[in-house]
């Protein structure tokens, strides 16, 4: 069993929810479905393994300081596949 990532809520108001995620090597978010559109900004280089509902796994690297966005409905488990701690900030758009 993998250890859980730490989620620290920073803002939760009428417009956005901002959460920082910190992962030890091998830690995971656990399975979840995004209810809102969201933007991720990497604080560290993030070497992620994404487990997807169809049983596939996708390796993704998000360099520190870069961002990406996804639409609501994404379902996955995010795992730190690197050998160093990784962190990112997620901004959910309400």
PDB file of N, CA and C in Angstrom:
ATOM      1  N   UNK A   1       0.838  -1.184   0.000  1.00  0.00           N
ATOM      2  CA  UNK A   1       0.000   0.000   0.000  1.00  0.00           C
ATOM      3  C   UNK A   1       0.880   1.244   0.000  1.00  0.00           C
ATOM      4  N   UNK A   2       0.512   2.198  -0.818  1.00  0.00           N
ATOM      5  CA  UNK A   2       1.260   3.455  -0.909  1.00  0.00           C
ATOM      6  C   UNK A   2       0.817   4.419   0.188  1.00  0.00           C
ATOM      7  N   UNK A   3       1.736   5.298   0.573  1.00  0.00           N
ATOM      8  CA  UNK A   3       1.370   6.334   1.539  1.00  0.00           C
ATOM      9  C   UNK A   3       0.584   7.426   0.816  1.00  0.00           C
ATOM     10  N   UNK A   4      -0.283   8.125   1.538  1.00  0.00           N
ATOM     11  CA  UNK A   4      -1.077   9.184   0.898  1.00  0.00           C
ATOM     12  C   UNK A   4      -0.284  10.483   0.767  1.00  0.00           C
ATOM     13  N   UNK A   5      -0.552  11.210  -0.301  1.00  0.00           N
ATOM     14  CA  UNK A   5      -0.036  12.566  -0.442  1.00  0.00           C
ATOM     15  C   UNK A   5      -0.711  13.439   0.615  1.00  0.00           C
ATOM     16  N   UNK A   6      -0.062  14.532   0.958  1.00  0.00           N
ATOM     17  CA  UNK A   6      -0.640  15.486   1.904  1.00  0.00           C
ATOM     18  C   UNK A   6      -1.300  16.614   1.125  1.00  0.00           C
ATOM     19  N   UNK A   7      -2.573  16.845   1.386  1.00  0.00           N
ATOM     20  CA  UNK A   7      -3.324  17.929   0.738  1.00  0.00           C
ATOM     21  C   UNK A   7      -3.565  19.026   1.770  1.00  0.00           C
ATOM     22  N   UNK A   8      -3.101  20.238   1.462  1.00  0.00           N
ATOM     23  CA  UNK A   8      -3.265  21.387   2.356  1.00  0.00           C
ATOM     24  C   UNK A   8      -4.108  22.434   1.640  1.00  0.00           C
ATOM     25  N   UNK A   9      -5.326  22.625   2.138  1.00  0.00           N
ATOM     26  CA  UNK A   9      -6.208  23.608   1.511  1.00  0.00           C
ATOM     27  C   UNK A   9      -5.746  25.014   1.878  1.00  0.00           C
ATOM     28  N   UNK A  10      -5.569  25.851   0.844  1.00  0.00           N
ATOM     29  CA  UNK A  10      -5.051  27.196   1.044  1.00  0.00           C
ATOM     30  C   UNK A  10      -6.143  28.255   0.920  1.00  0.00           C
ATOM     31  N   UNK A  11      -7.070  28.048  -0.027  1.00  0.00           N
ATOM     32  CA  UNK A  11      -8.199  28.965  -0.240  1.00  0.00           C
ATOM     33  C   UNK A  11      -9.397  28.122  -0.628  1.00  0.00           C
ATOM     34  N   UNK A  12     -10.551  28.477  -0.098  1.00  0.00           N
ATOM     35  CA  UNK A  12     -11.809  27.871  -0.540  1.00  0.00           C
ATOM     36  C   UNK A  12     -12.880  28.935  -0.368  1.00  0.00           C
ATOM     37  N   UNK A  13     -13.176  29.629  -1.484  1.00  0.00           N
ATOM     38  CA  UNK A  13     -14.170  30.684  -1.432  1.00  0.00           C
ATOM     39  C   UNK A  13     -15.214  30.463  -2.530  1.00  0.00           C
ATOM     40  N   UNK A  14     -15.973  31.476  -2.845  1.00  0.00           N
ATOM     41  CA  UNK A  14     -17.057  31.330  -3.815  1.00  0.00           C
ATOM     42  C   UNK A  14     -16.556  31.092  -5.238  1.00  0.00           C
ATOM     43  N   UNK A  15     -15.301  31.433  -5.534  1.00  0.00           N
ATOM     44  CA  UNK A  15     -14.800  31.362  -6.915  1.00  0.00           C
ATOM     45  C   UNK A  15     -13.796  30.250  -7.164  1.00  0.00           C
ATOM     46  N   UNK A  16     -12.924  29.946  -6.170  1.00  0.00           N
ATOM     47  CA  UNK A  16     -11.867  28.950  -6.374  1.00  0.00           C
ATOM     48  C   UNK A  16     -11.626  28.131  -5.117  1.00  0.00           C
ATOM     49  N   UNK A  17     -11.028  26.966  -5.332  1.00  0.00           N
ATOM     50  CA  UNK A  17     -10.466  26.167  -4.238  1.00  0.00           C
ATOM     51  C   UNK A  17      -9.009  25.930  -4.620  1.00  0.00           C
ATOM     52  N   UNK A  18      -8.090  26.311  -3.739  1.00  0.00           N
ATOM     53  CA  UNK A  18      -6.659  26.170  -3.986  1.00  0.00           C
ATOM     54  C   UNK A  18      -6.104  25.192  -2.962  1.00  0.00           C
ATOM     55  N   UNK A  19      -5.436  24.142  -3.455  1.00  0.00           N
ATOM     56  CA  UNK A  19      -4.900  23.098  -2.590  1.00  0.00           C
ATOM     57  C   UNK A  19      -3.466  22.801  -2.990  1.00  0.00           C
ATOM     58  N   UNK A  20      -2.594  22.720  -2.020  1.00  0.00           N
ATOM     59  CA  UNK A  20      -1.215  22.290  -2.262  1.00  0.00           C
ATOM     60  C   UNK A  20      -1.128  20.801  -1.956  1.00  0.00           C
ATOM     61  N   UNK A  21      -0.501  20.057  -2.869  1.00  0.00           N
ATOM     62  CA  UNK A  21      -0.282  18.622  -2.696  1.00  0.00           C
ATOM     63  C   UNK A  21       1.206  18.361  -2.568  1.00  0.00           C
ATOM     64  N   UNK A  22       1.590  17.626  -1.517  1.00  0.00           N
ATOM     65  CA  UNK A  22       2.979  17.239  -1.279  1.00  0.00           C
ATOM     66  C   UNK A  22       3.049  15.714  -1.218  1.00  0.00           C
ATOM     67  N   UNK A  23       3.972  15.154  -1.994  1.00  0.00           N
ATOM     68  CA  UNK A  23       4.113  13.706  -2.128  1.00  0.00           C
ATOM     69  C   UNK A  23       5.527  13.279  -1.748  1.00  0.00           C
ATOM     70  N   UNK A  24       5.655  12.322  -0.867  1.00  0.00           N
ATOM     71  CA  UNK A  24       6.935  11.628  -0.702  1.00  0.00           C
ATOM     72  C   UNK A  24       7.104  10.719  -1.928  1.00  0.00           C
ATOM     73  N   UNK A  25       8.306  10.257  -2.206  1.00  0.00           N
ATOM     74  CA  UNK A  25       8.455   9.299  -3.309  1.00  0.00           C
ATOM     75  C   UNK A  25       7.517   8.103  -3.106  1.00  0.00           C
ATOM     76  N   UNK A  26       6.769   7.760  -4.132  1.00  0.00           N
ATOM     77  CA  UNK A  26       5.836   6.632  -4.073  1.00  0.00           C
ATOM     78  C   UNK A  26       4.464   6.957  -3.508  1.00  0.00           C
ATOM     79  N   UNK A  27       4.268   8.161  -2.985  1.00  0.00           N
ATOM     80  CA  UNK A  27       2.965   8.522  -2.397  1.00  0.00           C
ATOM     81  C   UNK A  27       1.939   8.763  -3.506  1.00  0.00           C
ATOM     82  N   UNK A  28       0.655   8.676  -3.146  1.00  0.00           N
ATOM     83  CA  UNK A  28      -0.429   8.798  -4.118  1.00  0.00           C
ATOM     84  C   UNK A  28      -1.551   9.669  -3.588  1.00  0.00           C
ATOM     85  N   UNK A  29      -2.367  10.182  -4.538  1.00  0.00           N
ATOM     86  CA  UNK A  29      -3.563  10.925  -4.141  1.00  0.00           C
ATOM     87  C   UNK A  29      -4.684   9.986  -3.737  1.00  0.00           C
ATOM     88  N   UNK A  30      -4.704   8.783  -4.322  1.00  0.00           N
ATOM     89  CA  UNK A  30      -5.860   7.908  -4.231  1.00  0.00           C
ATOM     90  C   UNK A  30      -6.792   8.237  -5.390  1.00  0.00           C
ATOM     91  N   UNK A  31      -7.665   7.313  -5.718  1.00  0.00           N
ATOM     92  CA  UNK A  31      -8.581   7.499  -6.847  1.00  0.00           C
ATOM     93  C   UNK A  31      -9.541   8.636  -6.569  1.00  0.00           C
ATOM     94  N   UNK A  32      -9.718   9.502  -7.561  1.00  0.00           N
ATOM     95  CA  UNK A  32     -10.651  10.626  -7.423  1.00  0.00           C
ATOM     96  C   UNK A  32     -11.099  11.093  -8.800  1.00  0.00           C
ATOM     97  N   UNK A  33     -12.260  11.739  -8.824  1.00  0.00           N
ATOM     98  CA  UNK A  33     -12.808  12.352 -10.039  1.00  0.00           C
ATOM     99  C   UNK A  33     -12.934  13.850  -9.774  1.00  0.00           C
ATOM    100  N   UNK A  34     -12.417  14.647 -10.694  1.00  0.00           N
ATOM    101  CA  UNK A  34     -12.469  16.102 -10.551  1.00  0.00           C
ATOM    102  C   UNK A  34     -13.866  16.618 -10.899  1.00  0.00           C
ATOM    103  N   UNK A  35     -14.489  17.286  -9.953  1.00  0.00           N
ATOM    104  CA  UNK A  35     -15.836  17.827 -10.148  1.00  0.00           C
ATOM    105  C   UNK A  35     -15.817  19.203 -10.809  1.00  0.00           C
ATOM    106  N   UNK A  36     -14.640  19.819 -10.859  1.00  0.00           N
ATOM    107  CA  UNK A  36     -14.509  21.174 -11.421  1.00  0.00           C
ATOM    108  C   UNK A  36     -13.335  21.210 -12.396  1.00  0.00           C
ATOM    109  N   UNK A  37     -13.374  22.169 -13.333  1.00  0.00           N
ATOM    110  CA  UNK A  37     -12.190  22.451 -14.140  1.00  0.00           C
ATOM    111  C   UNK A  37     -11.070  22.838 -13.174  1.00  0.00           C
ATOM    112  N   UNK A  38      -9.814  22.526 -13.575  1.00  0.00           N
ATOM    113  CA  UNK A  38      -8.716  22.830 -12.666  1.00  0.00           C
ATOM    114  C   UNK A  38      -7.425  23.131 -13.415  1.00  0.00           C
ATOM    115  N   UNK A  39      -6.516  23.810 -12.696  1.00  0.00           N
ATOM    116  CA  UNK A  39      -5.183  24.139 -13.180  1.00  0.00           C
ATOM    117  C   UNK A  39      -4.188  23.635 -12.142  1.00  0.00           C
ATOM    118  N   UNK A  40      -3.139  22.972 -12.612  1.00  0.00           N
ATOM    119  CA  UNK A  40      -2.047  22.507 -11.753  1.00  0.00           C
ATOM    120  C   UNK A  40      -0.814  23.336 -12.069  1.00  0.00           C
ATOM    121  N   UNK A  41      -0.105  23.817 -11.049  1.00  0.00           N
ATOM    122  CA  UNK A  41       1.196  24.457 -11.220  1.00  0.00           C
ATOM    123  C   UNK A  41       2.210  23.687 -10.382  1.00  0.00           C
ATOM    124  N   UNK A  42       3.244  23.187 -11.032  1.00  0.00           N
ATOM    125  CA  UNK A  42       4.273  22.395 -10.353  1.00  0.00           C
ATOM    126  C   UNK A  42       5.192  23.313  -9.551  1.00  0.00           C
ATOM    127  N   UNK A  43       5.421  22.965  -8.302  1.00  0.00           N
ATOM    128  CA  UNK A  43       6.383  23.676  -7.460  1.00  0.00           C
ATOM    129  C   UNK A  43       7.764  23.044  -7.641  1.00  0.00           C
ATOM    130  N   UNK A  44       7.785  21.715  -7.700  1.00  0.00           N
ATOM    131  CA  UNK A  44       9.006  20.955  -7.969  1.00  0.00           C
ATOM    132  C   UNK A  44       8.834  20.261  -9.316  1.00  0.00           C
ATOM    133  N   UNK A  45       9.903  19.699  -9.838  1.00  0.00           N
ATOM    134  CA  UNK A  45       9.735  18.801 -10.978  1.00  0.00           C
ATOM    135  C   UNK A  45       8.847  17.654 -10.506  1.00  0.00           C
ATOM    136  N   UNK A  46       7.797  17.390 -11.258  1.00  0.00           N
ATOM    137  CA  UNK A  46       6.828  16.357 -10.859  1.00  0.00           C
ATOM    138  C   UNK A  46       6.876  15.206 -11.856  1.00  0.00           C
ATOM    139  N   UNK A  47       7.404  14.074 -11.394  1.00  0.00           N
ATOM    140  CA  UNK A  47       7.437  12.852 -12.195  1.00  0.00           C
ATOM    141  C   UNK A  47       6.253  12.002 -11.735  1.00  0.00           C
ATOM    142  N   UNK A  48       5.154  12.100 -12.483  1.00  0.00           N
ATOM    143  CA  UNK A  48       3.891  11.481 -12.077  1.00  0.00           C
ATOM    144  C   UNK A  48       3.619  10.210 -12.859  1.00  0.00           C
ATOM    145  N   UNK A  49       3.042   9.253 -12.169  1.00  0.00           N
ATOM    146  CA  UNK A  49       2.442   8.096 -12.815  1.00  0.00           C
ATOM    147  C   UNK A  49       0.946   8.252 -12.614  1.00  0.00           C
ATOM    148  N   UNK A  50       0.202   8.317 -13.707  1.00  0.00           N
ATOM    149  CA  UNK A  50      -1.252   8.465 -13.643  1.00  0.00           C
ATOM    150  C   UNK A  50      -1.896   7.117 -13.918  1.00  0.00           C
ATOM    151  N   UNK A  51      -2.618   6.588 -12.940  1.00  0.00           N
ATOM    152  CA  UNK A  51      -3.409   5.376 -13.137  1.00  0.00           C
ATOM    153  C   UNK A  51      -4.780   5.815 -13.629  1.00  0.00           C
ATOM    154  N   UNK A  52      -5.233   5.230 -14.723  1.00  0.00           N
ATOM    155  CA  UNK A  52      -6.487   5.639 -15.350  1.00  0.00           C
ATOM    156  C   UNK A  52      -7.535   4.547 -15.218  1.00  0.00           C
ATOM    157  N   UNK A  53      -8.827   4.914 -15.299  1.00  0.00           N
ATOM    158  CA  UNK A  53      -9.905   3.949 -15.073  1.00  0.00           C
ATOM    159  C   UNK A  53      -9.909   2.760 -16.035  1.00  0.00           C
ATOM    160  N   UNK A  54      -9.351   2.932 -17.238  1.00  0.00           N
ATOM    161  CA  UNK A  54      -9.338   1.819 -18.195  1.00  0.00           C
ATOM    162  C   UNK A  54      -8.212   0.830 -17.934  1.00  0.00           C
ATOM    163  N   UNK A  55      -7.464   1.041 -16.838  1.00  0.00           N
ATOM    164  CA  UNK A  55      -6.392   0.128 -16.463  1.00  0.00           C
ATOM    165  C   UNK A  55      -5.023   0.519 -16.998  1.00  0.00           C
ATOM    166  N   UNK A  56      -4.952   1.570 -17.798  1.00  0.00           N
ATOM    167  CA  UNK A  56      -3.658   1.999 -18.312  1.00  0.00           C
ATOM    168  C   UNK A  56      -2.968   2.926 -17.320  1.00  0.00           C
ATOM    169  N   UNK A  57      -1.664   3.009 -17.463  1.00  0.00           N
ATOM    170  CA  UNK A  57      -0.837   3.924 -16.672  1.00  0.00           C
ATOM    171  C   UNK A  57      -0.102   4.835 -17.631  1.00  0.00           C
ATOM    172  N   UNK A  58      -0.013   6.112 -17.286  1.00  0.00           N
ATOM    173  CA  UNK A  58       0.677   7.084 -18.121  1.00  0.00           C
ATOM    174  C   UNK A  58       1.709   7.809 -17.281  1.00  0.00           C
ATOM    175  N   UNK A  59       2.962   7.838 -17.754  1.00  0.00           N
ATOM    176  CA  UNK A  59       4.016   8.596 -17.083  1.00  0.00           C
ATOM    177  C   UNK A  59       4.022  10.013 -17.648  1.00  0.00           C
ATOM    178  N   UNK A  60       4.047  11.000 -16.750  1.00  0.00           N
ATOM    179  CA  UNK A  60       4.033  12.409 -17.137  1.00  0.00           C
ATOM    180  C   UNK A  60       5.064  13.142 -16.292  1.00  0.00           C
ATOM    181  N   UNK A  61       5.833  14.021 -16.926  1.00  0.00           N
ATOM    182  CA  UNK A  61       6.734  14.900 -16.188  1.00  0.00           C
ATOM    183  C   UNK A  61       6.265  16.331 -16.383  1.00  0.00           C
ATOM    184  N   UNK A  62       6.048  17.021 -15.268  1.00  0.00           N
ATOM    185  CA  UNK A  62       5.661  18.426 -15.292  1.00  0.00           C
ATOM    186  C   UNK A  62       6.812  19.195 -14.637  1.00  0.00           C
ATOM    187  N   UNK A  63       7.578  19.952 -15.418  1.00  0.00           N
ATOM    188  CA  UNK A  63       8.716  20.675 -14.852  1.00  0.00           C
ATOM    189  C   UNK A  63       8.286  21.739 -13.843  1.00  0.00           C
ATOM    190  N   UNK A  64       9.123  21.979 -12.853  1.00  0.00           N
ATOM    191  CA  UNK A  64       8.857  23.013 -11.850  1.00  0.00           C
ATOM    192  C   UNK A  64       8.556  24.341 -12.537  1.00  0.00           C
ATOM    193  N   UNK A  65       7.528  25.028 -12.039  1.00  0.00           N
ATOM    194  CA  UNK A  65       7.174  26.341 -12.560  1.00  0.00           C
ATOM    195  C   UNK A  65       6.254  26.324 -13.757  1.00  0.00           C
ATOM    196  N   UNK A  66       5.884  25.144 -14.245  1.00  0.00           N
ATOM    197  CA  UNK A  66       4.974  25.072 -15.389  1.00  0.00           C
ATOM    198  C   UNK A  66       3.583  24.657 -14.921  1.00  0.00           C
ATOM    199  N   UNK A  67       2.605  24.886 -15.798  1.00  0.00           N
ATOM    200  CA  UNK A  67       1.199  24.628 -15.465  1.00  0.00           C
ATOM    201  C   UNK A  67       0.512  23.877 -16.582  1.00  0.00           C
ATOM    202  N   UNK A  68      -0.583  23.220 -16.232  1.00  0.00           N
ATOM    203  CA  UNK A  68      -1.501  22.658 -17.228  1.00  0.00           C
ATOM    204  C   UNK A  68      -2.904  22.725 -16.671  1.00  0.00           C
ATOM    205  N   UNK A  69      -3.903  22.601 -17.551  1.00  0.00           N
ATOM    206  CA  UNK A  69      -5.294  22.635 -17.113  1.00  0.00           C
ATOM    207  C   UNK A  69      -6.051  21.440 -17.673  1.00  0.00           C
ATOM    208  N   UNK A  70      -7.096  21.055 -16.972  1.00  0.00           N
ATOM    209  CA  UNK A  70      -7.965  19.961 -17.405  1.00  0.00           C
ATOM    210  C   UNK A  70      -9.411  20.348 -17.102  1.00  0.00           C
ATOM    211  N   UNK A  71     -10.313  19.724 -17.831  1.00  0.00           N
ATOM    212  CA  UNK A  71     -11.745  19.935 -17.614  1.00  0.00           C
ATOM    213  C   UNK A  71     -12.262  19.029 -16.505  1.00  0.00           C
ATOM    214  N   UNK A  72     -13.369  19.415 -15.929  1.00  0.00           N
ATOM    215  CA  UNK A  72     -14.044  18.586 -14.929  1.00  0.00           C
ATOM    216  C   UNK A  72     -14.307  17.206 -15.521  1.00  0.00           C
ATOM    217  N   UNK A  73     -14.333  16.201 -14.660  1.00  0.00           N
ATOM    218  CA  UNK A  73     -14.648  14.844 -15.083  1.00  0.00           C
ATOM    219  C   UNK A  73     -13.450  13.914 -15.140  1.00  0.00           C
ATOM    220  N   UNK A  74     -12.242  14.464 -15.104  1.00  0.00           N
ATOM    221  CA  UNK A  74     -11.038  13.630 -15.130  1.00  0.00           C
ATOM    222  C   UNK A  74     -11.038  12.726 -13.898  1.00  0.00           C
ATOM    223  N   UNK A  75     -10.759  11.449 -14.117  1.00  0.00           N
ATOM    224  CA  UNK A  75     -10.674  10.485 -13.019  1.00  0.00           C
ATOM    225  C   UNK A  75      -9.326   9.793 -13.102  1.00  0.00           C
ATOM    226  N   UNK A  76      -8.621   9.740 -11.955  1.00  0.00           N
ATOM    227  CA  UNK A  76      -7.306   9.104 -11.948  1.00  0.00           C
ATOM    228  C   UNK A  76      -6.790   8.954 -10.515  1.00  0.00           C
ATOM    229  N   UNK A  77      -5.660   8.265 -10.420  1.00  0.00           N
ATOM    230  CA  UNK A  77      -4.855   8.216  -9.207  1.00  0.00           C
ATOM    231  C   UNK A  77      -3.489   8.751  -9.604  1.00  0.00           C
ATOM    232  N   UNK A  78      -2.986   9.745  -8.877  1.00  0.00           N
ATOM    233  CA  UNK A  78      -1.695  10.359  -9.184  1.00  0.00           C
ATOM    234  C   UNK A  78      -0.667   9.839  -8.187  1.00  0.00           C
ATOM    235  N   UNK A  79       0.458   9.333  -8.715  1.00  0.00           N
ATOM    236  CA  UNK A  79       1.522   8.749  -7.895  1.00  0.00           C
ATOM    237  C   UNK A  79       2.826   9.480  -8.184  1.00  0.00           C
ATOM    238  N   UNK A  80       3.598   9.757  -7.148  1.00  0.00           N
ATOM    239  CA  UNK A  80       4.939  10.310  -7.340  1.00  0.00           C
ATOM    240  C   UNK A  80       5.841   9.161  -7.770  1.00  0.00           C
ATOM    241  N   UNK A  81       6.206   9.142  -9.052  1.00  0.00           N
ATOM    242  CA  UNK A  81       7.048   8.080  -9.600  1.00  0.00           C
ATOM    243  C   UNK A  81       8.529   8.429  -9.517  1.00  0.00           C
ATOM    244  N   UNK A  82       8.853   9.596  -8.969  1.00  0.00           N
ATOM    245  CA  UNK A  82      10.242  10.005  -8.846  1.00  0.00           C
ATOM    246  C   UNK A  82      10.871   9.526  -7.555  1.00  0.00           C
ATOM    247  N   UNK A  83      12.156   9.828  -7.398  1.00  0.00           N
ATOM    248  CA  UNK A  83      12.878   9.418  -6.191  1.00  0.00           C
ATOM    249  C   UNK A  83      13.087  10.593  -5.220  1.00  0.00           C
ATOM    250  N   UNK A  84      12.392  11.715  -5.490  1.00  0.00           N
ATOM    251  CA  UNK A  84      12.445  12.895  -4.617  1.00  0.00           C
ATOM    252  C   UNK A  84      11.022  13.349  -4.304  1.00  0.00           C
ATOM    253  N   UNK A  85      10.846  14.092  -3.223  1.00  0.00           N
ATOM    254  CA  UNK A  85       9.511  14.642  -2.947  1.00  0.00           C
ATOM    255  C   UNK A  85       9.056  15.522  -4.109  1.00  0.00           C
ATOM    256  N   UNK A  86       7.742  15.557  -4.339  1.00  0.00           N
ATOM    257  CA  UNK A  86       7.185  16.438  -5.370  1.00  0.00           C
ATOM    258  C   UNK A  86       6.012  17.202  -4.789  1.00  0.00           C
ATOM    259  N   UNK A  87       5.809  18.407  -5.331  1.00  0.00           N
ATOM    260  CA  UNK A  87       4.725  19.275  -4.854  1.00  0.00           C
ATOM    261  C   UNK A  87       4.130  20.039  -6.017  1.00  0.00           C
ATOM    262  N   UNK A  88       2.814  20.234  -5.948  1.00  0.00           N
ATOM    263  CA  UNK A  88       2.142  21.113  -6.905  1.00  0.00           C
ATOM    264  C   UNK A  88       0.967  21.775  -6.227  1.00  0.00           C
ATOM    265  N   UNK A  89       0.511  22.868  -6.842  1.00  0.00           N
ATOM    266  CA  UNK A  89      -0.681  23.574  -6.370  1.00  0.00           C
ATOM    267  C   UNK A  89      -1.776  23.378  -7.405  1.00  0.00           C
ATOM    268  N   UNK A  90      -2.946  22.994  -6.928  1.00  0.00           N
ATOM    269  CA  UNK A  90      -4.118  22.797  -7.778  1.00  0.00           C
ATOM    270  C   UNK A  90      -5.119  23.913  -7.496  1.00  0.00           C
ATOM    271  N   UNK A  91      -5.579  24.584  -8.566  1.00  0.00           N
ATOM    272  CA  UNK A  91      -6.601  25.610  -8.453  1.00  0.00           C
ATOM    273  C   UNK A  91      -7.840  25.089  -9.166  1.00  0.00           C
ATOM    274  N   UNK A  92      -8.907  24.849  -8.409  1.00  0.00           N
ATOM    275  CA  UNK A  92     -10.179  24.393  -8.972  1.00  0.00           C
ATOM    276  C   UNK A  92     -11.065  25.603  -9.198  1.00  0.00           C
ATOM    277  N   UNK A  93     -11.681  25.675 -10.379  1.00  0.00           N
ATOM    278  CA  UNK A  93     -12.510  26.825 -10.773  1.00  0.00           C
ATOM    279  C   UNK A  93     -13.970  26.515 -10.507  1.00  0.00           C
ATOM    280  N   UNK A  94     -14.598  27.268  -9.634  1.00  0.00           N
ATOM    281  CA  UNK A  94     -15.996  27.020  -9.266  1.00  0.00           C
ATOM    282  C   UNK A  94     -16.938  27.728 -10.226  1.00  0.00           C
TER     283      UNK A  94
END
